[in-house]
Structures are given as C-alpha cells and as structure tokens.
Amino acid sequence: MANDGPLGGDRLWTVAEVAEHMRVSNMTVYRLIKSGQLPAIRVGKNYRLRGRDVAAYLDASTTHVDEAQS
C-alpha cells in the first residue's frame, strides 16, 4: 500500500478526520461528497473517504499565485 503523505494510500478516513485535516466543518465535507467533488464510500449510514481521493482533491484545488502579480 502506497503512502503519499498523511492522506496518501488506501486508508479509509471518516468525515470528521478529513474535516479536521482540511480545517473545515463536517458539513463542508458532506457538501463536497454530495456535489461529487470528493469521492466517498458509503458504509451503512456513514461515509468513508480514501486518503488518495482527498489528496487528489486538495491537489486539484490548489491555486498558484502568479509571482508577477505579487
């Protein structure tokens, strides 16, 4: 199993763990799941998120400030 940092690999994270890591509310994570922006696995009534999916979402959401604008 690959480990690409704290969220890498196939480990399953709870909504609360992902929210804490991202420093957002649980509701924000639920909204990202519902909108399809963040893939999740349904386990009973709960969601689990793969670390690699969360890491990919964060990588895709990263913005870069153009140094010329600084």
C-alpha atoms as a PDB file:
ATOM      1  CA  MET A   1       0.000   0.000   0.000  1.00  0.00           C
ATOM      2  CA  ALA A   2       1.499   3.324  -1.055  1.00  0.00           C
ATOM      3  CA  ASN A   3       1.710   6.165   1.415  1.00  0.00           C
ATOM      4  CA  ASP A   4       1.945   9.577  -0.206  1.00  0.00           C
ATOM      5  CA  GLY A   5       1.945  11.720   2.906  1.00  0.00           C
ATOM      6  CA  PRO A   6      -0.587  11.858   5.717  1.00  0.00           C
ATOM      7  CA  LEU A   7      -3.613  11.306   3.456  1.00  0.00           C
ATOM      8  CA  GLY A   8      -1.984   9.070   0.851  1.00  0.00           C
ATOM      9  CA  GLY A   9      -2.805   5.486   0.079  1.00  0.00           C
ATOM     10  CA  ASP A  10      -5.901   3.381   0.529  1.00  0.00           C
ATOM     11  CA  ARG A  11      -6.569   4.082   4.212  1.00  0.00           C
ATOM     12  CA  LEU A  12     -10.194   4.993   4.803  1.00  0.00           C
ATOM     13  CA  TRP A  13     -10.837   8.229   6.688  1.00  0.00           C
ATOM     14  CA  THR A  14     -14.012   9.355   8.435  1.00  0.00           C
ATOM     15  CA  VAL A  15     -15.715  12.611   7.519  1.00  0.00           C
ATOM     16  CA  ALA A  16     -14.595  14.059  10.859  1.00  0.00           C
ATOM     17  CA  GLU A  17     -10.949  13.091  10.244  1.00  0.00           C
ATOM     18  CA  VAL A  18     -10.973  14.635   6.775  1.00  0.00           C
ATOM     19  CA  ALA A  19     -12.681  17.773   8.074  1.00  0.00           C
ATOM     20  CA  GLU A  20     -10.075  18.129  10.812  1.00  0.00           C
ATOM     21  CA  HIS A  21      -7.217  17.634   8.339  1.00  0.00           C
ATOM     22  CA  MET A  22      -8.685  20.191   5.928  1.00  0.00           C
ATOM     23  CA  ARG A  23      -9.647  22.537   8.810  1.00  0.00           C
ATOM     24  CA  VAL A  24     -13.251  22.782   7.646  1.00  0.00           C
ATOM     25  CA  SER A  25     -16.553  21.672   9.155  1.00  0.00           C
ATOM     26  CA  ASN A  26     -18.011  18.196   8.747  1.00  0.00           C
ATOM     27  CA  MET A  27     -20.849  19.826   6.782  1.00  0.00           C
ATOM     28  CA  THR A  28     -18.356  21.171   4.232  1.00  0.00           C
ATOM     29  CA  VAL A  29     -17.024  17.651   3.660  1.00  0.00           C
ATOM     30  CA  TYR A  30     -20.590  16.319   3.305  1.00  0.00           C
ATOM     31  CA  ARG A  31     -21.321  19.042   0.734  1.00  0.00           C
ATOM     32  CA  LEU A  32     -18.204  18.115  -1.255  1.00  0.00           C
ATOM     33  CA  ILE A  33     -19.323  14.475  -1.223  1.00  0.00           C
ATOM     34  CA  LYS A  34     -22.902  15.305  -2.240  1.00  0.00           C
ATOM     35  CA  SER A  35     -21.731  17.569  -5.083  1.00  0.00           C
ATOM     36  CA  GLY A  36     -19.478  14.811  -6.432  1.00  0.00           C
ATOM     37  CA  GLN A  37     -16.297  16.819  -5.913  1.00  0.00           C
ATOM     38  CA  LEU A  38     -14.984  14.384  -3.306  1.00  0.00           C
ATOM     39  CA  PRO A  39     -15.481  10.636  -3.917  1.00  0.00           C
ATOM     40  CA  ALA A  40     -16.680   8.660  -0.900  1.00  0.00           C
ATOM     41  CA  ILE A  41     -17.664   5.133   0.025  1.00  0.00           C
ATOM     42  CA  ARG A  42     -20.962   4.580   1.813  1.00  0.00           C
ATOM     43  CA  VAL A  43     -20.693   2.159   4.742  1.00  0.00           C
ATOM     44  CA  GLY A  44     -24.141   1.785   6.242  1.00  0.00           C
ATOM     45  CA  LYS A  45     -25.233   5.317   7.105  1.00  0.00           C
ATOM     46  CA  ASN A  46     -21.665   6.623   7.202  1.00  0.00           C
ATOM     47  CA  TYR A  47     -19.162   7.770   4.614  1.00  0.00           C
ATOM     48  CA  ARG A  48     -15.511   6.816   4.359  1.00  0.00           C
ATOM     49  CA  LEU A  49     -13.029   8.586   2.126  1.00  0.00           C
ATOM     50  CA  ARG A  50      -9.833   7.195   0.619  1.00  0.00           C
ATOM     51  CA  GLY A  51      -6.796   9.227   1.522  1.00  0.00           C
ATOM     52  CA  ARG A  52      -5.644   9.307  -2.086  1.00  0.00           C
ATOM     53  CA  ASP A  53      -9.003  10.781  -3.188  1.00  0.00           C
ATOM     54  CA  VAL A  54      -8.781  13.522  -0.570  1.00  0.00           C
ATOM     55  CA  ALA A  55      -5.164  14.246  -1.543  1.00  0.00           C
ATOM     56  CA  ALA A  56      -6.169  14.417  -5.231  1.00  0.00           C
ATOM     57  CA  TYR A  57      -9.000  16.835  -4.406  1.00  0.00           C
ATOM     58  CA  LEU A  58      -6.633  19.065  -2.446  1.00  0.00           C
ATOM     59  CA  ASP A  59      -4.020  18.959  -5.233  1.00  0.00           C
ATOM     60  CA  ALA A  60      -6.642  19.891  -7.835  1.00  0.00           C
ATOM     61  CA  SER A  61      -7.927  22.714  -5.618  1.00  0.00           C
ATOM     62  CA  THR A  62      -4.519  24.267  -5.069  1.00  0.00           C
ATOM     63  CA  THR A  63      -4.194  27.728  -6.553  1.00  0.00           C
ATOM     64  CA  HIS A  64      -0.901  29.284  -7.556  1.00  0.00           C
ATOM     65  CA  VAL A  65      -0.313  32.983  -7.239  1.00  0.00           C
ATOM     66  CA  ASP A  66       1.435  34.441 -10.250  1.00  0.00           C
ATOM     67  CA  GLU A  67       4.704  35.910  -8.981  1.00  0.00           C
ATOM     68  CA  ALA A  68       4.301  38.865 -11.353  1.00  0.00           C
ATOM     69  CA  GLN A  69       1.114  39.884  -9.512  1.00  0.00           C
ATOM     70  CA  SER A  70       2.832  39.895  -6.111  1.00  0.00           C
END
